[in-house]
Amino acid sequence: MVGLLLMTGAGYIAAPLPLAPCLMLSLLFAFLFKAFLPAILLVALIDWLTMSRDRKARTLRRKGLTYRQIGARLGFSASTARRLCLA
């Protein structure tokens, strides 16, 4: 730990230097990122696993996949993918 040596009557003691406010904010954001990222990813995974197949199809269509690609990825025909996306 970076610090300062202070001379006392009994000898030297190490005193830590105060952290700069920007460093404290960086450490806070790093901690929050590490603490909450797994929770956010878990919520996103649960949402994807429990969403209906028409919502999955529409989500994939918004990402630019064709009806054939959507059907292949989700396990049904291109015409079913089209019907679900247009519903």
Protein backbone atom coordinates (compact mmCIF):
# COMPACT_ATOMS: atom_id res chain seq x y z
CA MET A 1 0.00 0.00 0.00
CA VAL A 2 1.33 3.42 -0.86
CA GLY A 3 1.65 5.57 2.19
CA LEU A 4 3.57 8.09 4.17
CA LEU A 5 6.07 7.42 6.94
CA LEU A 6 5.41 9.55 9.99
CA MET A 7 7.96 10.00 12.73
CA THR A 8 6.67 9.58 16.25
CA GLY A 9 8.37 9.38 19.60
CA ALA A 10 8.36 5.60 19.36
CA GLY A 11 9.63 5.44 15.78
CA TYR A 12 8.08 5.54 12.33
CA ILE A 13 4.52 4.53 11.49
CA ALA A 14 2.97 4.11 8.07
CA ALA A 15 0.00 6.37 7.30
CA PRO A 16 -1.96 5.66 4.11
CA LEU A 17 -2.41 8.48 1.64
CA PRO A 18 -6.00 9.54 0.98
CA LEU A 19 -7.40 8.42 -2.37
CA ALA A 20 -8.28 11.02 -4.97
CA PRO A 21 -12.03 11.41 -5.55
CA CYS A 22 -11.79 10.26 -9.19
CA LEU A 23 -9.96 7.11 -8.10
CA MET A 24 -12.61 6.46 -5.47
CA LEU A 25 -15.34 6.76 -8.11
CA SER A 26 -13.44 4.42 -10.43
CA LEU A 27 -13.12 1.85 -7.65
CA LEU A 28 -16.82 2.23 -6.82
CA PHE A 29 -17.87 1.67 -10.44
CA ALA A 30 -15.52 -1.31 -10.76
CA PHE A 31 -17.04 -2.85 -7.63
CA LEU A 32 -20.61 -2.22 -8.79
CA PHE A 33 -19.83 -3.65 -12.23
CA LYS A 34 -18.36 -6.83 -10.74
CA ALA A 35 -21.13 -7.12 -8.16
CA PHE A 36 -24.16 -6.56 -10.38
CA LEU A 37 -23.10 -7.83 -13.82
CA PRO A 38 -23.72 -11.50 -12.95
CA ALA A 39 -27.18 -10.60 -11.61
CA ILE A 40 -28.04 -8.64 -14.75
CA LEU A 41 -26.85 -11.48 -16.98
CA LEU A 42 -28.87 -13.97 -14.94
CA VAL A 43 -32.02 -11.87 -15.33
CA ALA A 44 -31.41 -11.59 -19.09
CA LEU A 45 -30.93 -15.37 -19.36
CA ILE A 46 -34.11 -16.10 -17.40
CA ASP A 47 -35.99 -13.61 -19.59
CA TRP A 48 -34.74 -15.30 -22.77
CA LEU A 49 -35.56 -18.79 -21.50
CA THR A 50 -39.08 -17.90 -20.43
CA MET A 51 -40.18 -15.62 -23.28
CA SER A 52 -42.77 -16.95 -25.71
CA ARG A 53 -41.71 -18.22 -29.10
CA ASP A 54 -43.46 -15.38 -30.97
CA ARG A 55 -41.55 -12.85 -28.84
CA LYS A 56 -38.29 -14.72 -29.54
CA ALA A 57 -39.10 -14.72 -33.26
CA ARG A 58 -39.84 -10.98 -33.27
CA THR A 59 -36.64 -10.28 -31.33
CA LEU A 60 -34.57 -12.22 -33.86
CA ARG A 61 -36.37 -10.51 -36.75
CA ARG A 62 -35.49 -7.09 -35.28
CA LYS A 63 -31.87 -8.23 -35.22
CA GLY A 64 -32.07 -8.77 -38.99
CA LEU A 65 -32.45 -12.54 -39.33
CA THR A 66 -34.51 -13.94 -42.18
CA TYR A 67 -37.61 -16.05 -41.55
CA ARG A 68 -35.67 -19.14 -42.62
CA GLN A 69 -32.85 -18.38 -40.15
CA ILE A 70 -35.37 -17.71 -37.37
CA GLY A 71 -37.17 -20.97 -38.06
CA ALA A 72 -33.92 -22.93 -38.12
CA ARG A 73 -32.73 -21.38 -34.87
CA LEU A 74 -36.02 -21.88 -33.01
CA GLY A 75 -37.00 -25.20 -34.53
CA PHE A 76 -39.94 -24.49 -36.82
CA SER A 77 -40.58 -23.67 -40.47
CA ALA A 78 -39.96 -20.35 -42.19
CA SER A 79 -43.69 -19.88 -42.74
CA THR A 80 -44.35 -20.33 -38.98
CA ALA A 81 -41.58 -17.85 -38.25
CA ARG A 82 -43.20 -15.35 -40.63
CA ARG A 83 -46.62 -15.88 -39.09
CA LEU A 84 -45.26 -15.38 -35.57
CA CYS A 85 -43.36 -12.25 -36.54
CA LEU A 86 -46.35 -10.68 -38.23
CA ALA A 87 -48.82 -11.52 -35.46
